[in-house]
Amino acid sequence: MADGETHAPALDRAAMRAWLLGDDVVDAHGRVFAWQHGHAYPEAGGLWLSWAADEPAAAARAPAVAAWLDHCIDTDAVGRDAVRYLFDLAVVLLGRMRFAHSRGASWSPSMQRGCAQLLDALARGVACWPEAGAPRWSRAFASHLRKLALLSRWLPAPHGARVRELLLGRIGATEAVPPRPSAHADATYLHAFLYALEGQWALLGPGSCAAAATWLTAAQREDGGVCAWWSVEGGGRGPARADATAQAIRLWAAVDREAHAPAIARGLGFLARQLEGGAVRYDDTSAHRNVWCTLFAVQAQDFAHAGARVEALL
């Protein structure tokens, strides 16, 4: 990005890194929290471990996080509120595989068990189990699961091919632009829409997301944030979410950093304004200092300045 494009405050990468390595995020047992003073959350742990695999300063804490994630797999605790989620399991496995690869280690029995469970759920078309509760995006076998294509790159060839085959057969390779809401909603949840696009990137390359990236610049607010929801009739609505904003920045950087430099700069400025004590707040109406939003923001900044790599995508 060229100098002088924005006067927005800069994200403090050192402060974010220090917070992510601190006791507010990872406890002595290796449990990773969803946000400061929040609940232990395996999906956040998988994201954290994926980041830690390439972060030398995380070496002291990472083995305990890996052991905790193995325990979560073994005790069917990868999820929340007694519901297990296919997406969460994929994120946990990706973190474990990246960490194992970084250490030259083989798969643990827990990773093998988790992989078998993931393939079974995919084959049955099950996004969560037990299937209960009110319909919501995370419980639907829908296009956000396309992001499992990222995991398929790290699996042994037969398993990776099977994951891609099931994804393509059940949800397809590409996302509609503008996005269409799911059957149980009157608007599109953009965080999930961006997960689907990240899977499209993993399957077909960043060029396949060019139209979506351009549409996202039109959907971006003037302050740089990306709203929680979008509908054809009403446009963007809800608070500007830090996770969706960071995801959009990563996608813009992947598709064309120069063409999307203004949108990237506005997005980074929005994230910088959500920064408090090294942590990124969940959205512009929330005081939650959020772990995955901070991880995504670190990577958004890295991708914006050094280029995007799907192999590193959190």
Protein backbone atom coordinates (compact mmCIF):
# COMPACT_ATOMS: atom_id res chain seq x y z
CA MET A 1 0.00 0.00 0.00
CA ALA A 2 1.28 3.45 -0.87
CA ASP A 3 2.25 5.94 1.81
CA GLY A 4 -0.19 8.69 2.65
CA GLU A 5 -3.37 6.82 1.72
CA THR A 6 -4.96 7.26 5.13
CA HIS A 7 -4.52 9.14 8.37
CA ALA A 8 -6.34 6.43 10.34
CA PRO A 9 -4.69 5.13 13.51
CA ALA A 10 -2.43 2.14 13.03
CA LEU A 11 -2.97 -1.29 14.52
CA ASP A 12 -0.38 -2.03 17.21
CA ARG A 13 0.82 -5.49 16.20
CA ALA A 14 3.22 -5.81 19.13
CA ALA A 15 0.43 -5.06 21.61
CA MET A 16 -1.93 -7.56 19.95
CA ARG A 17 0.77 -10.22 19.94
CA ALA A 18 1.54 -9.63 23.62
CA TRP A 19 -2.15 -9.86 24.56
CA LEU A 20 -2.62 -13.10 22.59
CA LEU A 21 0.34 -14.64 24.43
CA GLY A 22 -0.86 -13.54 27.86
CA ASP A 23 -2.89 -15.06 30.67
CA ASP A 24 -6.04 -13.25 29.54
CA VAL A 25 -6.15 -15.53 26.50
CA VAL A 26 -4.41 -18.82 27.48
CA ASP A 27 -4.49 -20.24 31.01
CA ALA A 28 -2.03 -22.57 32.71
CA HIS A 29 -3.98 -25.62 31.46
CA GLY A 30 -3.73 -24.57 27.82
CA ARG A 31 -7.36 -23.49 27.58
CA VAL A 32 -8.00 -20.63 25.16
CA PHE A 33 -10.83 -18.21 25.87
CA ALA A 34 -13.32 -16.67 23.49
CA TRP A 35 -12.72 -13.23 24.97
CA GLN A 36 -11.21 -11.73 28.07
CA HIS A 37 -13.02 -13.19 31.11
CA GLY A 38 -15.05 -15.34 28.71
CA HIS A 39 -15.48 -19.10 28.38
CA ALA A 40 -12.90 -21.65 27.20
CA TYR A 41 -13.62 -22.11 23.50
CA PRO A 42 -12.03 -24.90 21.40
CA GLU A 43 -12.61 -23.09 18.10
CA ALA A 44 -10.67 -20.09 19.42
CA GLY A 45 -8.02 -22.57 20.58
CA GLY A 46 -7.71 -24.02 17.09
CA LEU A 47 -7.32 -20.55 15.58
CA TRP A 48 -4.78 -19.61 18.25
CA LEU A 49 -2.73 -22.76 17.62
CA SER A 50 -2.76 -22.17 13.84
CA TRP A 51 -1.32 -18.72 14.52
CA ALA A 52 1.12 -20.05 17.12
CA ALA A 53 2.55 -22.61 14.69
CA ASP A 54 4.38 -19.74 12.96
CA GLU A 55 4.95 -17.61 16.08
CA PRO A 56 8.21 -18.49 17.91
CA ALA A 57 7.18 -16.54 21.01
CA ALA A 58 4.22 -18.91 21.46
CA ALA A 59 6.43 -21.98 21.85
CA ALA A 60 6.09 -22.08 25.64
CA ARG A 61 2.28 -22.12 25.62
CA ALA A 62 1.50 -24.01 22.40
CA PRO A 63 2.08 -27.61 23.64
CA ALA A 64 -0.44 -27.13 26.45
CA VAL A 65 -2.99 -25.72 24.00
CA ALA A 66 -2.43 -28.69 21.68
CA ALA A 67 -2.95 -31.12 24.58
CA TRP A 68 -6.13 -29.33 25.63
CA LEU A 69 -7.51 -29.51 22.08
CA ASP A 70 -6.75 -33.23 21.94
CA HIS A 71 -8.67 -33.62 25.20
CA CYS A 72 -11.59 -31.66 23.72
CA ILE A 73 -11.71 -34.03 20.74
CA ASP A 74 -11.51 -37.12 22.97
CA THR A 75 -14.31 -35.91 25.24
CA ASP A 76 -16.59 -34.66 22.43
CA ALA A 77 -16.26 -31.13 23.74
CA VAL A 78 -15.50 -29.32 20.48
CA GLY A 79 -18.41 -26.92 20.41
CA ARG A 80 -20.45 -24.98 22.91
CA ASP A 81 -23.54 -25.45 25.09
CA ALA A 82 -23.30 -29.27 24.77
CA VAL A 83 -23.58 -29.05 20.97
CA ARG A 84 -20.66 -30.23 18.83
CA TYR A 85 -19.98 -28.39 15.58
CA LEU A 86 -18.42 -29.65 12.37
CA PHE A 87 -16.93 -26.23 11.60
CA ASP A 88 -15.35 -25.96 15.05
CA LEU A 89 -13.88 -29.45 14.71
CA ALA A 90 -12.30 -28.48 11.38
CA VAL A 91 -10.73 -25.38 12.94
CA VAL A 92 -9.37 -27.44 15.85
CA LEU A 93 -7.93 -30.07 13.51
CA LEU A 94 -6.35 -27.42 11.29
CA GLY A 95 -4.62 -25.90 14.30
CA ARG A 96 -3.41 -29.29 15.47
CA MET A 97 -2.12 -30.22 12.01
CA ARG A 98 -0.29 -26.95 11.50
CA PHE A 99 1.29 -27.20 14.93
CA ALA A 100 2.29 -30.84 14.42
CA HIS A 101 3.79 -29.96 11.04
CA SER A 102 5.78 -27.08 12.53
CA ARG A 103 7.34 -29.51 15.02
CA GLY A 104 7.84 -32.38 12.58
CA ALA A 105 5.46 -34.46 14.72
CA SER A 106 3.08 -37.19 13.60
CA TRP A 107 -0.66 -37.20 14.12
CA SER A 108 -1.86 -37.87 17.63
CA PRO A 109 -4.56 -40.53 18.19
CA SER A 110 -6.93 -37.66 19.00
CA MET A 111 -6.29 -36.04 15.63
CA GLN A 112 -7.00 -39.34 13.89
CA ARG A 113 -10.23 -39.70 15.86
CA GLY A 114 -11.25 -36.14 15.01
CA CYS A 115 -10.57 -36.65 11.33
CA ALA A 116 -12.76 -39.77 11.25
CA GLN A 117 -15.53 -37.86 13.04
CA LEU A 118 -15.27 -34.97 10.60
CA LEU A 119 -15.47 -37.22 7.53
CA ASP A 120 -18.48 -39.02 8.98
CA ALA A 121 -20.34 -35.77 9.70
CA LEU A 122 -19.57 -34.44 6.22
CA ALA A 123 -20.80 -37.65 4.60
CA ARG A 124 -24.05 -37.46 6.60
CA GLY A 125 -24.52 -33.75 5.90
CA VAL A 126 -24.56 -32.89 9.60
CA ALA A 127 -23.30 -29.47 10.72
CA CYS A 128 -23.81 -30.10 14.44
CA TRP A 129 -24.82 -32.84 16.81
CA PRO A 130 -27.13 -33.34 18.53
CA GLU A 131 -29.31 -31.42 16.09
CA ALA A 132 -31.41 -29.26 18.38
CA GLY A 133 -32.27 -25.68 19.13
CA ALA A 134 -33.43 -22.75 17.07
CA PRO A 135 -32.18 -22.55 13.48
CA ARG A 136 -29.14 -20.36 13.06
CA TRP A 137 -26.32 -20.11 10.53
CA SER A 138 -23.79 -22.19 12.49
CA ARG A 139 -26.20 -25.13 12.84
CA ALA A 140 -27.06 -25.33 9.14
CA PHE A 141 -25.18 -27.47 6.67
CA ALA A 142 -24.53 -24.44 4.52
CA SER A 143 -21.87 -22.66 2.48
CA HIS A 144 -19.81 -21.41 5.45
CA LEU A 145 -18.62 -25.04 5.65
CA ARG A 146 -16.83 -24.53 2.33
CA LYS A 147 -13.96 -23.23 4.45
CA LEU A 148 -13.25 -26.88 5.28
CA ALA A 149 -11.47 -26.86 1.91
CA LEU A 150 -8.64 -25.17 3.79
CA LEU A 151 -8.33 -28.19 6.08
CA SER A 152 -8.36 -30.53 3.06
CA ARG A 153 -4.97 -29.10 2.03
CA TRP A 154 -3.43 -30.48 5.24
CA LEU A 155 -5.04 -33.92 5.25
CA PRO A 156 -3.49 -37.03 3.68
CA ALA A 157 -4.38 -37.12 -0.01
CA PRO A 158 -7.30 -39.62 0.14
CA HIS A 159 -8.94 -37.79 3.06
CA GLY A 160 -8.37 -34.37 1.52
CA ALA A 161 -9.87 -35.48 -1.78
CA ARG A 162 -12.88 -36.91 0.05
CA VAL A 163 -13.48 -33.64 1.91
CA ARG A 164 -13.37 -31.66 -1.34
CA GLU A 165 -15.65 -34.17 -3.06
CA LEU A 166 -18.26 -33.92 -0.30
CA LEU A 167 -18.07 -30.13 -0.16
CA LEU A 168 -18.46 -29.74 -3.90
CA GLY A 169 -21.30 -32.24 -4.03
CA ARG A 170 -23.27 -30.72 -1.16
CA ILE A 171 -22.65 -26.94 -1.27
CA GLY A 172 -20.75 -26.24 -4.50
CA ALA A 173 -17.56 -24.31 -5.15
CA THR A 174 -18.74 -20.71 -5.50
CA GLU A 175 -20.80 -18.13 -3.66
CA ALA A 176 -23.51 -15.96 -5.20
CA VAL A 177 -22.76 -12.24 -5.47
CA PRO A 178 -24.54 -10.28 -4.12
CA PRO A 179 -25.10 -12.84 -1.36
CA ARG A 180 -28.46 -14.50 -0.88
CA PRO A 181 -29.82 -15.10 2.63
CA SER A 182 -30.35 -18.64 3.85
CA ALA A 183 -33.81 -20.15 4.12
CA HIS A 184 -34.19 -19.29 7.80
CA ALA A 185 -33.05 -15.64 7.59
CA ASP A 186 -34.14 -12.43 5.89
CA ALA A 187 -30.56 -11.15 5.50
CA THR A 188 -27.08 -12.54 4.96
CA TYR A 189 -24.73 -12.85 7.92
CA LEU A 190 -21.52 -11.48 6.41
CA HIS A 191 -19.14 -13.30 8.78
CA ALA A 192 -20.49 -16.62 7.44
CA PHE A 193 -20.54 -15.31 3.85
CA LEU A 194 -16.84 -14.49 4.17
CA TYR A 195 -16.09 -17.97 5.52
CA ALA A 196 -17.72 -19.33 2.37
CA LEU A 197 -15.59 -17.06 0.19
CA GLU A 198 -12.45 -18.16 2.03
CA GLY A 199 -13.32 -21.73 1.11
CA GLN A 200 -13.84 -20.65 -2.49
CA TRP A 201 -10.38 -19.06 -2.40
CA ALA A 202 -8.93 -22.33 -1.09
CA LEU A 203 -10.66 -24.36 -3.80
CA LEU A 204 -10.37 -22.13 -6.87
CA GLY A 205 -7.80 -19.45 -6.08
CA PRO A 206 -8.21 -15.76 -5.21
CA GLY A 207 -9.19 -14.75 -8.74
CA SER A 208 -12.47 -16.60 -8.31
CA CYS A 209 -13.38 -14.13 -5.53
CA ALA A 210 -12.77 -10.96 -7.56
CA ALA A 211 -16.46 -10.10 -8.04
CA ALA A 212 -17.18 -10.74 -4.37
CA ALA A 213 -14.24 -8.57 -3.30
CA THR A 214 -15.51 -5.69 -5.44
CA TRP A 215 -19.01 -6.09 -4.02
CA LEU A 216 -17.60 -6.00 -0.48
CA THR A 217 -16.05 -2.60 -1.12
CA ALA A 218 -19.50 -1.28 -1.97
CA ALA A 219 -20.91 -2.87 1.20
CA GLN A 220 -18.20 -1.38 3.43
CA ARG A 221 -19.26 1.48 5.70
CA GLU A 222 -17.58 4.88 5.40
CA ASP A 223 -15.78 4.29 8.71
CA GLY A 224 -14.22 1.12 7.27
CA GLY A 225 -16.31 -1.42 9.17
CA VAL A 226 -18.30 -4.28 7.65
CA CYS A 227 -21.79 -4.65 9.10
CA ALA A 228 -23.05 -7.85 10.66
CA TRP A 229 -25.92 -8.30 8.18
CA TRP A 230 -26.79 -7.34 4.62
CA SER A 231 -30.01 -7.60 2.62
CA VAL A 232 -30.95 -6.64 -0.92
CA GLU A 233 -33.79 -4.47 0.33
CA GLY A 234 -32.11 -2.70 3.23
CA GLY A 235 -28.38 -2.94 2.62
CA GLY A 236 -26.07 -3.23 5.62
CA ARG A 237 -27.48 -3.37 9.13
CA GLY A 238 -26.37 -4.09 12.65
CA PRO A 239 -23.07 -3.13 14.26
CA ALA A 240 -19.82 -3.21 12.32
CA ARG A 241 -18.14 -6.48 13.27
CA ALA A 242 -14.39 -6.74 13.71
CA ASP A 243 -14.23 -10.36 12.53
CA ALA A 244 -16.04 -9.69 9.25
CA THR A 245 -14.00 -6.52 8.68
CA ALA A 246 -10.70 -8.37 9.15
CA GLN A 247 -11.93 -11.18 6.89
CA ALA A 248 -12.80 -8.67 4.18
CA ILE A 249 -9.32 -7.13 4.44
CA ARG A 250 -7.73 -10.55 4.04
CA LEU A 251 -9.85 -11.24 0.95
CA TRP A 252 -9.09 -7.84 -0.60
CA ALA A 253 -5.39 -8.45 -0.02
CA ALA A 254 -5.65 -11.86 -1.67
CA VAL A 255 -7.53 -10.65 -4.74
CA ASP A 256 -5.68 -7.39 -5.47
CA ARG A 257 -3.91 -5.39 -2.74
CA GLU A 258 -3.35 -2.36 -4.95
CA ALA A 259 -6.83 -2.13 -6.42
CA HIS A 260 -8.42 -2.53 -3.00
CA ALA A 261 -5.88 -0.42 -1.09
CA PRO A 262 -8.43 2.28 -0.08
CA ALA A 263 -10.86 -0.30 1.32
CA ILE A 264 -8.01 -2.11 3.09
CA ALA A 265 -6.80 1.14 4.65
CA ARG A 266 -10.30 2.06 5.85
CA GLY A 267 -10.78 -1.43 7.27
CA LEU A 268 -7.48 -1.36 9.14
CA GLY A 269 -8.40 2.05 10.51
CA PHE A 270 -11.70 0.68 11.80
CA LEU A 271 -9.92 -2.23 13.50
CA ALA A 272 -7.38 0.12 15.06
CA ARG A 273 -10.21 2.12 16.60
CA GLN A 274 -11.55 -1.09 18.19
CA LEU A 275 -8.20 -1.85 19.81
CA GLU A 276 -8.06 -1.70 23.61
CA GLY A 277 -5.05 -2.89 25.57
CA GLY A 278 -3.84 -5.06 22.71
CA ALA A 279 -7.22 -6.69 22.09
CA VAL A 280 -9.77 -5.96 19.38
CA ARG A 281 -13.33 -5.43 20.53
CA TYR A 282 -15.98 -7.65 18.92
CA ASP A 283 -17.82 -4.76 17.29
CA ASP A 284 -18.35 -1.03 17.57
CA THR A 285 -21.08 -1.46 20.21
CA SER A 286 -19.35 -4.12 22.34
CA ALA A 287 -16.79 -4.00 25.15
CA HIS A 288 -15.80 -7.66 24.60
CA ARG A 289 -12.06 -7.89 23.97
CA ASN A 290 -12.27 -10.79 21.55
CA VAL A 291 -9.66 -13.46 20.81
CA TRP A 292 -10.59 -14.50 17.27
CA CYS A 293 -11.18 -10.90 16.21
CA THR A 294 -7.68 -10.05 17.45
CA LEU A 295 -6.16 -13.04 15.65
CA PHE A 296 -7.96 -12.09 12.42
CA ALA A 297 -6.84 -8.47 12.82
CA VAL A 298 -3.18 -9.49 13.22
CA GLN A 299 -3.42 -11.52 10.04
CA ALA A 300 -5.35 -8.83 8.17
CA GLN A 301 -2.54 -6.39 8.92
CA ASP A 302 0.09 -8.93 7.84
CA PHE A 303 -1.74 -9.76 4.60
CA ALA A 304 -2.28 -6.08 3.82
CA HIS A 305 1.43 -5.29 4.08
CA ALA A 306 3.16 -8.52 3.08
CA GLY A 307 0.66 -10.30 0.82
CA ALA A 308 -1.96 -12.97 1.43
CA ARG A 309 -1.25 -16.70 1.55
CA VAL A 310 -4.06 -19.20 1.67
CA GLU A 311 -1.69 -21.67 3.37
CA ALA A 312 -1.55 -19.34 6.40
CA LEU A 313 -5.22 -18.35 6.47
CA LEU A 314 -6.79 -18.57 9.91
